Amino acid sequence: MVNILILGADGQLGRELQKKFDGAKALSRAGLDVSDVNAVNKFDFANFDVVVNAAAYTNVDEAETVTGRRQAWATNATGVAALSAAVARAGCLFVNISSDYVFDGSKLEHVENESLSPVSVYGASKAAGDLVVSGLAKHYTLRTAWVVGDGNNFVKTMLKLAAKGVEPRVVADQIGRPTFTSELANCIEHLIHTKPEYGTYNLTNDGSPASWAALARCIYDRAGHKNLKISEVTTSEYYADSTSVYAQRPKGSVLVLDKIQATGFKSRDWQLDLTSYIKEASRPESLTQKHPNPGHPYSPGDTKATPSTENLSATQPVDASGSADQMQNPPHID
C-alpha cells in the first residue's frame, strides 16, 4: 500500500485527490501551511511514500500588489523549496502542480523543456518553485492550465450567468484547453503506479484548443441556452477602462501532451468531461453549494465572482484552489 499525503485539501484538486486516493492523509492550510517554513520543517514526512502538493497562492491579480507578491512567493517558491528539502530528507516522492503561467504565451503551444518566461508575479513564483523541484531526485511536476473541479470556477460561473439570462462579453484571444481535476487525479495515480521517468509533464485534457469565449459558448449551448449571445473581446479591450491592478496573462496556453501520453496515459477530450461536468453541476444543489474560503488564495482553481446588474466579472485564481491549481484568473467576463 502506498502512503500518500495530500496538501491543499480544501481546493478543487485537493478534494478530487481525496476521492481518488481513499485512505490518504489530507491536510488543508490549517493542517500545514506550506508558506510557513518553520511548520514545514517541523512536520514529520517519514510515514509517507508520496507527497502531493496541491496548495498554491493562485490570486493572479492580487499577486501584483505588495502584499500579494509576498504571499505568492512565500507559498509558491519559498514554501515549495522548504517542502522539497523536507520531502527529500524523508525519501518521499514529491508531486507538485505547476502552471502555464510560467510561459509568456507568445507561442500558442508549449513543451516541457521550453525556457521559462513568466510575465506576472504569480507566474514568476511558480517558475521559481519549478526550478527548485527540478533538483529533486524523485519528483513529478505536472504543468497544467484552466483547472475545473469541485468549487468555484469558470464553468460554474458561466452556468450561473446563463441561468440568469446574462449575455456576457468574454475574452477571445487567450487560447488553451480546460483541465478537469478528475484528469489531474487520474494522471497522478498513473504516475505513482507506473513510475515513468521522473521530471516535468504537461497535463491538460486533450481535444481542440479553444478561447475562453469559445468555451463559454460551448457551456451555454450544452446547458440549453443557445438563444443567449456570447460577445468576444480582446484582453486589451477588456482591461481598457480598468482602474484595478491586474496581471499580464499568457495568450497561448496550449500544453503539448506528447510526453505524458508516451508513458501510456491517455488524456480524455475536454468536451467529453465538460458534458459530464455540466450535467452534474447543473443540479440546483451544485449551483448553490458553498465551499470553505471560496476564492481563497490557497484554494487553486477556485473562482471569485462579483455579480451586479451591470457588470458580472469572474476571476479564477490560477494553477493549480486549496491549491493549485490553475484556472488562473484568466477569462474575464462583463
C-alpha atoms as a PDB file:
ATOM      1  CA  MET A   1       0.000   0.000   0.000  1.00  0.00           C
ATOM      2  CA  VAL A   2       1.297   3.458  -0.928  1.00  0.00           C
ATOM      3  CA  ASN A   3       1.008   6.026   1.870  1.00  0.00           C
ATOM      4  CA  ILE A   4       0.028   9.379   0.347  1.00  0.00           C
ATOM      5  CA  LEU A   5      -0.093  12.856   1.866  1.00  0.00           C
ATOM      6  CA  ILE A   6      -2.241  15.475   0.110  1.00  0.00           C
ATOM      7  CA  LEU A   7      -1.566  19.150   0.838  1.00  0.00           C
ATOM      8  CA  GLY A   8      -4.120  21.793  -0.114  1.00  0.00           C
ATOM      9  CA  ALA A   9      -7.032  19.520   0.762  1.00  0.00           C
ATOM     10  CA  ASP A  10      -9.697  22.249   0.601  1.00  0.00           C
ATOM     11  CA  GLY A  11      -9.074  23.184  -3.025  1.00  0.00           C
ATOM     12  CA  GLN A  12     -10.630  21.827  -6.199  1.00  0.00           C
ATOM     13  CA  LEU A  13      -7.758  19.435  -6.860  1.00  0.00           C
ATOM     14  CA  GLY A  14      -7.372  18.549  -3.185  1.00  0.00           C
ATOM     15  CA  ARG A  15     -10.993  17.463  -2.986  1.00  0.00           C
ATOM     16  CA  GLU A  16     -10.649  15.371  -6.153  1.00  0.00           C
ATOM     17  CA  LEU A  17      -7.486  13.699  -4.872  1.00  0.00           C
ATOM     18  CA  GLN A  18      -9.249  12.686  -1.683  1.00  0.00           C
ATOM     19  CA  LYS A  19     -11.888  10.910  -3.769  1.00  0.00           C
ATOM     20  CA  LYS A  20      -9.212   9.228  -5.888  1.00  0.00           C
ATOM     21  CA  PHE A  21      -6.934   8.131  -3.029  1.00  0.00           C
ATOM     22  CA  ASP A  22      -9.220   6.789  -0.348  1.00  0.00           C
ATOM     23  CA  GLY A  23      -7.230   6.474   2.847  1.00  0.00           C
ATOM     24  CA  ALA A  24      -4.699   9.165   2.015  1.00  0.00           C
ATOM     25  CA  LYS A  25      -3.971  11.758   4.689  1.00  0.00           C
ATOM     26  CA  ALA A  26      -5.253  15.149   3.523  1.00  0.00           C
ATOM     27  CA  LEU A  27      -4.294  18.468   5.105  1.00  0.00           C
ATOM     28  CA  SER A  28      -5.729  21.908   4.450  1.00  0.00           C
ATOM     29  CA  ARG A  29      -3.821  25.089   5.204  1.00  0.00           C
ATOM     30  CA  ALA A  30      -4.949  24.758   8.828  1.00  0.00           C
ATOM     31  CA  GLY A  31      -3.211  21.376   8.999  1.00  0.00           C
ATOM     32  CA  LEU A  32       0.000  22.512   7.306  1.00  0.00           C
ATOM     33  CA  ASP A  33       0.576  25.990   5.921  1.00  0.00           C
ATOM     34  CA  VAL A  34       3.172  25.452   3.212  1.00  0.00           C
ATOM     35  CA  SER A  35       4.117  29.148   3.343  1.00  0.00           C
ATOM     36  CA  ASP A  36       5.275  28.636   6.944  1.00  0.00           C
ATOM     37  CA  VAL A  37       8.823  27.315   6.592  1.00  0.00           C
ATOM     38  CA  ASN A  38       9.117  26.503  10.304  1.00  0.00           C
ATOM     39  CA  ALA A  39       5.909  24.456  10.207  1.00  0.00           C
ATOM     40  CA  VAL A  40       7.116  22.566   7.137  1.00  0.00           C
ATOM     41  CA  ASN A  41      10.483  21.839   8.727  1.00  0.00           C
ATOM     42  CA  LYS A  42       8.821  20.513  11.892  1.00  0.00           C
ATOM     43  CA  PHE A  43       6.358  18.280  10.056  1.00  0.00           C
ATOM     44  CA  ASP A  44       7.126  14.551  10.009  1.00  0.00           C
ATOM     45  CA  PHE A  45       7.010  13.302   6.417  1.00  0.00           C
ATOM     46  CA  ALA A  46       8.709   9.994   7.263  1.00  0.00           C
ATOM     47  CA  ASN A  47       5.472   7.988   7.303  1.00  0.00           C
ATOM     48  CA  PHE A  48       4.603   8.835   3.682  1.00  0.00           C
ATOM     49  CA  ASP A  49       5.747   7.409   0.372  1.00  0.00           C
ATOM     50  CA  VAL A  50       4.277  10.204  -1.755  1.00  0.00           C
ATOM     51  CA  VAL A  51       3.586  13.876  -1.004  1.00  0.00           C
ATOM     52  CA  VAL A  52       1.238  15.660  -3.431  1.00  0.00           C
ATOM     53  CA  ASN A  53       1.354  19.433  -3.145  1.00  0.00           C
ATOM     54  CA  ALA A  54      -1.957  20.829  -4.385  1.00  0.00           C
ATOM     55  CA  ALA A  55      -1.514  24.021  -2.360  1.00  0.00           C
ATOM     56  CA  ALA A  56      -0.635  27.306  -4.027  1.00  0.00           C
ATOM     57  CA  TYR A  57      -1.209  31.036  -3.916  1.00  0.00           C
ATOM     58  CA  THR A  58      -3.356  31.481  -7.002  1.00  0.00           C
ATOM     59  CA  ASN A  59      -4.758  35.009  -6.955  1.00  0.00           C
ATOM     60  CA  VAL A  60      -3.028  36.239 -10.097  1.00  0.00           C
ATOM     61  CA  ASP A  61      -4.088  39.883  -9.900  1.00  0.00           C
ATOM     62  CA  GLU A  62      -3.592  40.256  -6.147  1.00  0.00           C
ATOM     63  CA  ALA A  63      -0.064  38.882  -6.604  1.00  0.00           C
ATOM     64  CA  GLU A  64       0.786  42.128  -8.400  1.00  0.00           C
ATOM     65  CA  THR A  65       0.301  44.074  -5.139  1.00  0.00           C
ATOM     66  CA  VAL A  66       2.918  44.418  -2.397  1.00  0.00           C
ATOM     67  CA  THR A  67       1.103  42.077  -0.013  1.00  0.00           C
ATOM     68  CA  GLY A  68       0.103  39.592  -2.686  1.00  0.00           C
ATOM     69  CA  ARG A  69       3.631  39.435  -4.097  1.00  0.00           C
ATOM     70  CA  ARG A  70       4.996  38.397  -0.725  1.00  0.00           C
ATOM     71  CA  GLN A  71       2.279  35.785  -0.224  1.00  0.00           C
ATOM     72  CA  ALA A  72       2.750  34.342  -3.710  1.00  0.00           C
ATOM     73  CA  TRP A  73       6.492  33.941  -3.272  1.00  0.00           C
ATOM     74  CA  ALA A  74       6.140  32.629   0.283  1.00  0.00           C
ATOM     75  CA  THR A  75       3.815  29.853  -0.867  1.00  0.00           C
ATOM     76  CA  ASN A  76       4.785  29.047  -4.442  1.00  0.00           C
ATOM     77  CA  ALA A  77       8.554  29.462  -4.173  1.00  0.00           C
ATOM     78  CA  THR A  78       9.931  29.607  -0.611  1.00  0.00           C
ATOM     79  CA  GLY A  79       7.298  27.191   0.666  1.00  0.00           C
ATOM     80  CA  VAL A  80       7.878  24.752  -2.192  1.00  0.00           C
ATOM     81  CA  ALA A  81      11.626  24.953  -1.542  1.00  0.00           C
ATOM     82  CA  ALA A  82      11.076  24.043   2.116  1.00  0.00           C
ATOM     83  CA  LEU A  83       8.744  21.209   1.122  1.00  0.00           C
ATOM     84  CA  SER A  84      11.246  19.916  -1.421  1.00  0.00           C
ATOM     85  CA  ALA A  85      14.022  19.770   1.137  1.00  0.00           C
ATOM     86  CA  ALA A  86      11.846  18.141   3.804  1.00  0.00           C
ATOM     87  CA  VAL A  87      10.409  15.560   1.423  1.00  0.00           C
ATOM     88  CA  ALA A  88      13.876  14.725   0.092  1.00  0.00           C
ATOM     89  CA  ARG A  89      15.165  14.148   3.629  1.00  0.00           C
ATOM     90  CA  ALA A  90      12.274  11.745   4.232  1.00  0.00           C
ATOM     91  CA  GLY A  91      12.905   9.930   0.930  1.00  0.00           C
ATOM     92  CA  CYS A  92       9.398  10.595  -0.417  1.00  0.00           C
ATOM     93  CA  LEU A  93       8.275  11.054  -3.997  1.00  0.00           C
ATOM     94  CA  PHE A  94       7.205  14.688  -4.448  1.00  0.00           C
ATOM     95  CA  VAL A  95       4.378  15.586  -6.849  1.00  0.00           C
ATOM     96  CA  ASN A  96       3.994  19.333  -7.421  1.00  0.00           C
ATOM     97  CA  ILE A  97       1.496  21.219  -9.581  1.00  0.00           C
ATOM     98  CA  SER A  98       2.789  23.861 -11.972  1.00  0.00           C
ATOM     99  CA  SER A  99       1.075  26.256 -14.370  1.00  0.00           C
ATOM    100  CA  ASP A 100       1.002  27.527 -17.939  1.00  0.00           C
ATOM    101  CA  TYR A 101       1.758  30.935 -16.404  1.00  0.00           C
ATOM    102  CA  VAL A 102       5.447  30.032 -16.262  1.00  0.00           C
ATOM    103  CA  PHE A 103       5.439  30.896 -20.003  1.00  0.00           C
ATOM    104  CA  ASP A 104       4.780  34.274 -21.601  1.00  0.00           C
ATOM    105  CA  GLY A 105       2.273  32.785 -24.039  1.00  0.00           C
ATOM    106  CA  SER A 106       3.856  34.419 -27.083  1.00  0.00           C
ATOM    107  CA  LYS A 107       3.760  30.950 -28.683  1.00  0.00           C
ATOM    108  CA  LEU A 108       0.497  29.023 -28.869  1.00  0.00           C
ATOM    109  CA  GLU A 109       1.957  25.656 -27.822  1.00  0.00           C
ATOM    110  CA  HIS A 110       4.445  24.782 -25.087  1.00  0.00           C
ATOM    111  CA  VAL A 111       6.599  21.713 -24.438  1.00  0.00           C
ATOM    112  CA  GLU A 112       8.079  20.738 -21.088  1.00  0.00           C
ATOM    113  CA  ASN A 113      11.671  21.825 -21.796  1.00  0.00           C
ATOM    114  CA  GLU A 114      10.787  25.274 -23.135  1.00  0.00           C
ATOM    115  CA  SER A 115      12.689  28.072 -21.369  1.00  0.00           C
ATOM    116  CA  LEU A 116      10.665  29.649 -18.576  1.00  0.00           C
ATOM    117  CA  SER A 117       9.413  33.144 -19.388  1.00  0.00           C
ATOM    118  CA  PRO A 118       6.780  34.330 -16.895  1.00  0.00           C
ATOM    119  CA  VAL A 119       5.242  37.770 -17.356  1.00  0.00           C
ATOM    120  CA  SER A 120       3.468  38.046 -13.990  1.00  0.00           C
ATOM    121  CA  VAL A 121       4.418  37.804 -10.332  1.00  0.00           C
ATOM    122  CA  TYR A 122       2.306  34.705  -9.980  1.00  0.00           C
ATOM    123  CA  GLY A 123       3.988  33.091 -12.969  1.00  0.00           C
ATOM    124  CA  ALA A 124       7.443  34.016 -11.676  1.00  0.00           C
ATOM    125  CA  SER A 125       6.712  32.494  -8.262  1.00  0.00           C
ATOM    126  CA  LYS A 126       5.512  29.259  -9.862  1.00  0.00           C
ATOM    127  CA  ALA A 127       8.551  29.163 -12.154  1.00  0.00           C
ATOM    128  CA  ALA A 128      10.845  29.553  -9.144  1.00  0.00           C
ATOM    129  CA  GLY A 129       9.098  26.624  -7.475  1.00  0.00           C
ATOM    130  CA  ASP A 130       9.510  24.523 -10.617  1.00  0.00           C
ATOM    131  CA  LEU A 131      13.249  25.190 -10.679  1.00  0.00           C
ATOM    132  CA  VAL A 132      13.646  24.101  -7.068  1.00  0.00           C
ATOM    133  CA  VAL A 133      11.622  20.913  -7.542  1.00  0.00           C
ATOM    134  CA  SER A 134      13.601  20.020 -10.677  1.00  0.00           C
ATOM    135  CA  GLY A 135      16.638  19.438  -8.460  1.00  0.00           C
ATOM    136  CA  LEU A 136      14.979  16.571  -6.587  1.00  0.00           C
ATOM    137  CA  ALA A 137      15.894  13.019  -7.475  1.00  0.00           C
ATOM    138  CA  LYS A 138      12.307  11.768  -7.051  1.00  0.00           C
ATOM    139  CA  HIS A 139       9.723  14.211  -8.362  1.00  0.00           C
ATOM    140  CA  TYR A 140       6.927  14.771 -10.833  1.00  0.00           C
ATOM    141  CA  THR A 141       5.966  18.310 -11.784  1.00  0.00           C
ATOM    142  CA  LEU A 142       2.595  18.437 -13.501  1.00  0.00           C
ATOM    143  CA  ARG A 143       2.199  21.594 -15.555  1.00  0.00           C
ATOM    144  CA  THR A 144      -1.476  22.321 -16.128  1.00  0.00           C
ATOM    145  CA  ALA A 145      -3.927  25.087 -17.056  1.00  0.00           C
ATOM    146  CA  TRP A 146      -7.567  26.190 -16.857  1.00  0.00           C
ATOM    147  CA  VAL A 147      -8.500  23.875 -13.973  1.00  0.00           C
ATOM    148  CA  VAL A 148     -12.148  22.920 -13.416  1.00  0.00           C
ATOM    149  CA  GLY A 149     -13.328  20.894 -10.433  1.00  0.00           C
ATOM    150  CA  ASP A 150     -15.449  20.829  -7.303  1.00  0.00           C
ATOM    151  CA  GLY A 151     -15.565  24.505  -6.414  1.00  0.00           C
ATOM    152  CA  ASN A 152     -15.979  27.937  -7.936  1.00  0.00           C
ATOM    153  CA  ASN A 153     -14.592  28.059 -11.462  1.00  0.00           C
ATOM    154  CA  PHE A 154     -15.219  29.394 -14.963  1.00  0.00           C
ATOM    155  CA  VAL A 155     -17.691  26.682 -15.943  1.00  0.00           C
ATOM    156  CA  LYS A 156     -19.758  27.158 -12.781  1.00  0.00           C
ATOM    157  CA  THR A 157     -19.722  30.930 -13.305  1.00  0.00           C
ATOM    158  CA  MET A 158     -20.954  30.577 -16.882  1.00  0.00           C
ATOM    159  CA  LEU A 159     -23.731  28.232 -15.796  1.00  0.00           C
ATOM    160  CA  LYS A 160     -24.911  30.736 -13.212  1.00  0.00           C
ATOM    161  CA  LEU A 161     -24.837  33.602 -15.706  1.00  0.00           C
ATOM    162  CA  ALA A 162     -26.717  31.548 -18.293  1.00  0.00           C
ATOM    163  CA  ALA A 163     -29.373  30.622 -15.750  1.00  0.00           C
ATOM    164  CA  LYS A 164     -29.913  34.366 -15.136  1.00  0.00           C
ATOM    165  CA  GLY A 165     -30.156  35.110 -18.839  1.00  0.00           C
ATOM    166  CA  VAL A 166     -26.931  37.144 -18.869  1.00  0.00           C
ATOM    167  CA  GLU A 167     -25.246  37.666 -22.253  1.00  0.00           C
ATOM    168  CA  PRO A 168     -21.592  38.201 -21.289  1.00  0.00           C
ATOM    169  CA  ARG A 169     -18.539  39.589 -23.050  1.00  0.00           C
ATOM    170  CA  VAL A 170     -15.707  37.060 -22.768  1.00  0.00           C
ATOM    171  CA  VAL A 171     -12.029  37.259 -23.664  1.00  0.00           C
ATOM    172  CA  ALA A 172     -11.334  35.578 -27.012  1.00  0.00           C
ATOM    173  CA  ASP A 173      -7.565  35.973 -27.535  1.00  0.00           C
ATOM    174  CA  GLN A 174      -6.382  33.616 -24.779  1.00  0.00           C
ATOM    175  CA  ILE A 175      -6.226  30.054 -26.127  1.00  0.00           C
ATOM    176  CA  GLY A 176      -5.892  26.803 -24.230  1.00  0.00           C
ATOM    177  CA  ARG A 177      -7.653  23.645 -23.075  1.00  0.00           C
ATOM    178  CA  PRO A 178      -9.533  23.013 -19.821  1.00  0.00           C
ATOM    179  CA  THR A 179      -8.142  20.579 -17.282  1.00  0.00           C
ATOM    180  CA  PHE A 180     -10.732  18.779 -15.193  1.00  0.00           C
ATOM    181  CA  THR A 181      -9.499  17.763 -11.758  1.00  0.00           C
ATOM    182  CA  SER A 182     -10.559  14.189 -12.492  1.00  0.00           C
ATOM    183  CA  GLU A 183      -7.983  14.180 -15.304  1.00  0.00           C
ATOM    184  CA  LEU A 184      -5.280  15.511 -12.980  1.00  0.00           C
ATOM    185  CA  ALA A 185      -6.103  12.936 -10.301  1.00  0.00           C
ATOM    186  CA  ASN A 186      -6.091  10.101 -12.852  1.00  0.00           C
ATOM    187  CA  CYS A 187      -2.711  11.230 -14.156  1.00  0.00           C
ATOM    188  CA  ILE A 188      -1.197  11.488 -10.678  1.00  0.00           C
ATOM    189  CA  GLU A 189      -2.427   7.951  -9.951  1.00  0.00           C
ATOM    190  CA  HIS A 190      -0.887   6.815 -13.254  1.00  0.00           C
ATOM    191  CA  LEU A 191       2.490   8.351 -12.424  1.00  0.00           C
ATOM    192  CA  ILE A 192       2.578   6.923  -8.906  1.00  0.00           C
ATOM    193  CA  HIS A 193       1.776   3.385 -10.026  1.00  0.00           C
ATOM    194  CA  THR A 194       3.598   3.143 -13.359  1.00  0.00           C
ATOM    195  CA  LYS A 195       6.691   5.085 -12.251  1.00  0.00           C
ATOM    196  CA  PRO A 196       7.828   6.585 -15.571  1.00  0.00           C
ATOM    197  CA  GLU A 197      10.946   8.747 -15.737  1.00  0.00           C
ATOM    198  CA  TYR A 198      10.936  11.492 -13.111  1.00  0.00           C
ATOM    199  CA  GLY A 199      10.593  15.068 -14.278  1.00  0.00           C
ATOM    200  CA  THR A 200       8.094  17.571 -15.652  1.00  0.00           C
ATOM    201  CA  TYR A 201       4.996  16.579 -17.613  1.00  0.00           C
ATOM    202  CA  ASN A 202       2.377  18.755 -19.263  1.00  0.00           C
ATOM    203  CA  LEU A 203      -1.149  17.696 -18.370  1.00  0.00           C
ATOM    204  CA  THR A 204      -4.470  19.092 -19.566  1.00  0.00           C
ATOM    205  CA  ASN A 205      -7.429  17.396 -21.133  1.00  0.00           C
ATOM    206  CA  ASP A 206      -6.932  16.571 -24.810  1.00  0.00           C
ATOM    207  CA  GLY A 207      -9.013  17.949 -27.661  1.00  0.00           C
ATOM    208  CA  SER A 208      -9.062  21.017 -29.874  1.00  0.00           C
ATOM    209  CA  PRO A 209      -7.772  24.236 -28.235  1.00  0.00           C
ATOM    210  CA  ALA A 210     -10.353  26.953 -27.626  1.00  0.00           C
ATOM    211  CA  SER A 211     -10.595  30.520 -26.383  1.00  0.00           C
ATOM    212  CA  TRP A 212     -12.392  31.455 -23.171  1.00  0.00           C
ATOM    213  CA  ALA A 213     -15.182  32.878 -25.332  1.00  0.00           C
ATOM    214  CA  ALA A 214     -15.482  29.625 -27.307  1.00  0.00           C
ATOM    215  CA  LEU A 215     -15.553  27.664 -24.075  1.00  0.00           C
ATOM    216  CA  ALA A 216     -18.283  29.953 -22.741  1.00  0.00           C
ATOM    217  CA  ARG A 217     -20.291  29.418 -25.939  1.00  0.00           C
ATOM    218  CA  CYS A 218     -19.929  25.654 -25.544  1.00  0.00           C
ATOM    219  CA  ILE A 219     -21.097  25.826 -21.922  1.00  0.00           C
ATOM    220  CA  TYR A 220     -24.135  27.940 -22.793  1.00  0.00           C
ATOM    221  CA  ASP A 221     -25.098  25.631 -25.656  1.00  0.00           C
ATOM    222  CA  ARG A 222     -24.797  22.422 -23.647  1.00  0.00           C
ATOM    223  CA  ALA A 223     -26.704  23.926 -20.741  1.00  0.00           C
ATOM    224  CA  GLY A 224     -29.609  24.646 -23.076  1.00  0.00           C
ATOM    225  CA  HIS A 225     -29.057  28.392 -23.590  1.00  0.00           C
ATOM    226  CA  LYS A 226     -28.231  28.585 -27.303  1.00  0.00           C
ATOM    227  CA  ASN A 227     -30.512  31.612 -27.608  1.00  0.00           C
ATOM    228  CA  LEU A 228     -28.218  33.761 -25.450  1.00  0.00           C
ATOM    229  CA  LYS A 229     -25.353  35.696 -27.034  1.00  0.00           C
ATOM    230  CA  ILE A 230     -21.655  35.488 -26.123  1.00  0.00           C
ATOM    231  CA  SER A 231     -19.715  38.572 -27.250  1.00  0.00           C
ATOM    232  CA  GLU A 232     -15.975  38.297 -27.899  1.00  0.00           C
ATOM    233  CA  VAL A 233     -13.453  40.890 -26.705  1.00  0.00           C
ATOM    234  CA  THR A 234      -9.664  41.030 -26.663  1.00  0.00           C
ATOM    235  CA  THR A 235      -7.709  41.078 -23.425  1.00  0.00           C
ATOM    236  CA  SER A 236      -6.648  44.674 -24.068  1.00  0.00           C
ATOM    237  CA  GLU A 237     -10.253  45.709 -24.715  1.00  0.00           C
ATOM    238  CA  TYR A 238     -11.391  44.063 -21.519  1.00  0.00           C
ATOM    239  CA  TYR A 239      -8.839  45.969 -19.442  1.00  0.00           C
ATOM    240  CA  ALA A 240      -9.039  49.248 -21.357  1.00  0.00           C
ATOM    241  CA  ASP A 241     -11.064  51.045 -18.690  1.00  0.00           C
ATOM    242  CA  SER A 242      -9.829  49.101 -15.680  1.00  0.00           C
ATOM    243  CA  THR A 243      -8.656  51.066 -12.647  1.00  0.00           C
ATOM    244  CA  SER A 244      -7.623  47.947 -10.730  1.00  0.00           C
ATOM    245  CA  VAL A 245      -4.241  46.260 -10.615  1.00  0.00           C
ATOM    246  CA  TYR A 246      -4.173  43.301 -12.976  1.00  0.00           C
ATOM    247  CA  ALA A 247      -1.596  40.794 -14.156  1.00  0.00           C
ATOM    248  CA  GLN A 248      -0.484  40.159 -17.705  1.00  0.00           C
ATOM    249  CA  ARG A 249      -1.726  36.776 -18.885  1.00  0.00           C
ATOM    250  CA  PRO A 250      -0.307  34.344 -21.457  1.00  0.00           C
ATOM    251  CA  LYS A 251      -2.357  34.322 -24.650  1.00  0.00           C
ATOM    252  CA  GLY A 252      -1.051  30.965 -25.824  1.00  0.00           C
ATOM    253  CA  SER A 253      -1.639  28.301 -23.150  1.00  0.00           C
ATOM    254  CA  VAL A 254      -1.822  25.079 -25.145  1.00  0.00           C
ATOM    255  CA  LEU A 255       0.347  22.480 -23.410  1.00  0.00           C
ATOM    256  CA  VAL A 256       1.689  19.740 -25.703  1.00  0.00           C
ATOM    257  CA  LEU A 257       0.747  16.313 -24.302  1.00  0.00           C
ATOM    258  CA  ASP A 258       3.124  14.035 -26.233  1.00  0.00           C
ATOM    259  CA  LYS A 259       5.423  13.328 -23.270  1.00  0.00           C
ATOM    260  CA  ILE A 260       2.740  12.246 -20.797  1.00  0.00           C
ATOM    261  CA  GLN A 261       0.933  10.216 -23.456  1.00  0.00           C
ATOM    262  CA  ALA A 262       4.176   8.406 -24.263  1.00  0.00           C
ATOM    263  CA  THR A 263       4.030   6.961 -20.726  1.00  0.00           C
ATOM    264  CA  GLY A 264       0.749   5.243 -21.572  1.00  0.00           C
ATOM    265  CA  PHE A 265      -1.584   7.860 -20.145  1.00  0.00           C
ATOM    266  CA  LYS A 266      -4.467   8.648 -22.498  1.00  0.00           C
ATOM    267  CA  SER A 267      -5.968  12.092 -21.974  1.00  0.00           C
ATOM    268  CA  ARG A 268      -9.707  12.498 -22.363  1.00  0.00           C
ATOM    269  CA  ASP A 269     -11.161  15.071 -24.728  1.00  0.00           C
ATOM    270  CA  TRP A 270     -12.192  18.114 -22.685  1.00  0.00           C
ATOM    271  CA  GLN A 271     -15.571  18.247 -24.408  1.00  0.00           C
ATOM    272  CA  LEU A 272     -16.470  14.810 -23.034  1.00  0.00           C
ATOM    273  CA  ASP A 273     -15.595  15.836 -19.487  1.00  0.00           C
ATOM    274  CA  LEU A 274     -17.353  19.180 -19.946  1.00  0.00           C
ATOM    275  CA  THR A 275     -20.601  17.424 -20.858  1.00  0.00           C
ATOM    276  CA  SER A 276     -20.387  15.233 -17.750  1.00  0.00           C
ATOM    277  CA  TYR A 277     -19.420  18.169 -15.565  1.00  0.00           C
ATOM    278  CA  ILE A 278     -22.318  20.354 -16.755  1.00  0.00           C
ATOM    279  CA  LYS A 279     -24.789  17.552 -16.154  1.00  0.00           C
ATOM    280  CA  GLU A 280     -23.580  17.209 -12.563  1.00  0.00           C
ATOM    281  CA  ALA A 281     -23.043  20.907 -11.888  1.00  0.00           C
ATOM    282  CA  SER A 282     -26.461  21.906 -13.250  1.00  0.00           C
ATOM    283  CA  ARG A 283     -28.189  20.234 -10.349  1.00  0.00           C
ATOM    284  CA  PRO A 284     -29.686  23.021  -8.152  1.00  0.00           C
ATOM    285  CA  GLU A 285     -27.745  21.895  -5.089  1.00  0.00           C
ATOM    286  CA  SER A 286     -24.465  22.040  -7.026  1.00  0.00           C
ATOM    287  CA  LEU A 287     -25.001  25.599  -8.249  1.00  0.00           C
ATOM    288  CA  THR A 288     -25.683  26.829  -4.719  1.00  0.00           C
ATOM    289  CA  GLN A 289     -23.113  24.648  -2.955  1.00  0.00           C
ATOM    290  CA  LYS A 290     -20.641  26.535  -0.812  1.00  0.00           C
ATOM    291  CA  HIS A 291     -17.085  25.566  -0.025  1.00  0.00           C
ATOM    292  CA  PRO A 292     -14.895  26.869   2.774  1.00  0.00           C
ATOM    293  CA  ASN A 293     -12.941  30.009   1.923  1.00  0.00           C
ATOM    294  CA  PRO A 294     -14.209  30.341  -1.660  1.00  0.00           C
ATOM    295  CA  GLY A 295     -11.652  32.072  -3.805  1.00  0.00           C
ATOM    296  CA  HIS A 296      -9.056  31.876  -1.024  1.00  0.00           C
ATOM    297  CA  PRO A 297      -5.568  32.229  -2.461  1.00  0.00           C
ATOM    298  CA  TYR A 298      -4.763  28.783  -1.140  1.00  0.00           C
ATOM    299  CA  SER A 299      -7.660  27.287  -2.993  1.00  0.00           C
ATOM    300  CA  PRO A 300      -6.306  26.738  -6.509  1.00  0.00           C
ATOM    301  CA  GLY A 301      -8.776  26.795  -9.193  1.00  0.00           C
ATOM    302  CA  ASP A 302     -11.484  28.308  -7.037  1.00  0.00           C
ATOM    303  CA  THR A 303     -13.062  31.422  -8.534  1.00  0.00           C
ATOM    304  CA  LYS A 304     -14.364  34.605  -7.046  1.00  0.00           C
ATOM    305  CA  ALA A 305     -17.389  36.041  -8.789  1.00  0.00           C
ATOM    306  CA  THR A 306     -18.644  39.562  -8.289  1.00  0.00           C
ATOM    307  CA  PRO A 307     -22.117  39.839  -9.743  1.00  0.00           C
ATOM    308  CA  SER A 308     -24.037  43.025 -10.278  1.00  0.00           C
ATOM    309  CA  THR A 309     -26.763  44.039 -12.679  1.00  0.00           C
ATOM    310  CA  GLU A 310     -24.456  45.993 -14.939  1.00  0.00           C
ATOM    311  CA  ASN A 311     -21.226  44.070 -14.653  1.00  0.00           C
ATOM    312  CA  LEU A 312     -20.549  40.415 -13.908  1.00  0.00           C
ATOM    313  CA  SER A 313     -16.901  39.627 -13.553  1.00  0.00           C
ATOM    314  CA  ALA A 314     -15.289  36.277 -12.828  1.00  0.00           C
ATOM    315  CA  THR A 315     -11.697  35.854 -11.862  1.00  0.00           C
ATOM    316  CA  GLN A 316     -10.149  32.480 -11.469  1.00  0.00           C
ATOM    317  CA  PRO A 317      -7.160  32.100  -9.216  1.00  0.00           C
ATOM    318  CA  VAL A 318      -4.559  30.492 -11.332  1.00  0.00           C
ATOM    319  CA  ASP A 319      -2.608  26.948 -11.032  1.00  0.00           C
ATOM    320  CA  ALA A 320      -3.427  24.683  -9.608  1.00  0.00           C
ATOM    321  CA  SER A 321      -7.568  26.114  -5.260  1.00  0.00           C
ATOM    322  CA  GLY A 322      -6.725  24.933  -1.831  1.00  0.00           C
ATOM    323  CA  SER A 323      -4.447  24.554  -4.149  1.00  0.00           C
ATOM    324  CA  ALA A 324      -3.022  24.530  -7.306  1.00  0.00           C
ATOM    325  CA  ASP A 325      -4.494  24.789  -9.388  1.00  0.00           C
ATOM    326  CA  GLN A 326      -4.917  26.730 -12.142  1.00  0.00           C
ATOM    327  CA  MET A 327      -7.674  28.360 -13.881  1.00  0.00           C
ATOM    328  CA  GLN A 328      -5.558  31.285 -13.139  1.00  0.00           C
ATOM    329  CA  ASN A 329      -7.566  34.398 -13.001  1.00  0.00           C
ATOM    330  CA  PRO A 330      -7.965  34.087 -16.667  1.00  0.00           C
ATOM    331  CA  PRO A 331     -11.054  34.830 -18.501  1.00  0.00           C
ATOM    332  CA  HIS A 332     -12.863  37.886 -17.699  1.00  0.00           C
ATOM    333  CA  ILE A 333     -16.465  38.370 -18.233  1.00  0.00           C
ATOM    334  CA  ASP A 334     -18.552  41.515 -18.265  1.00  0.00           C
END
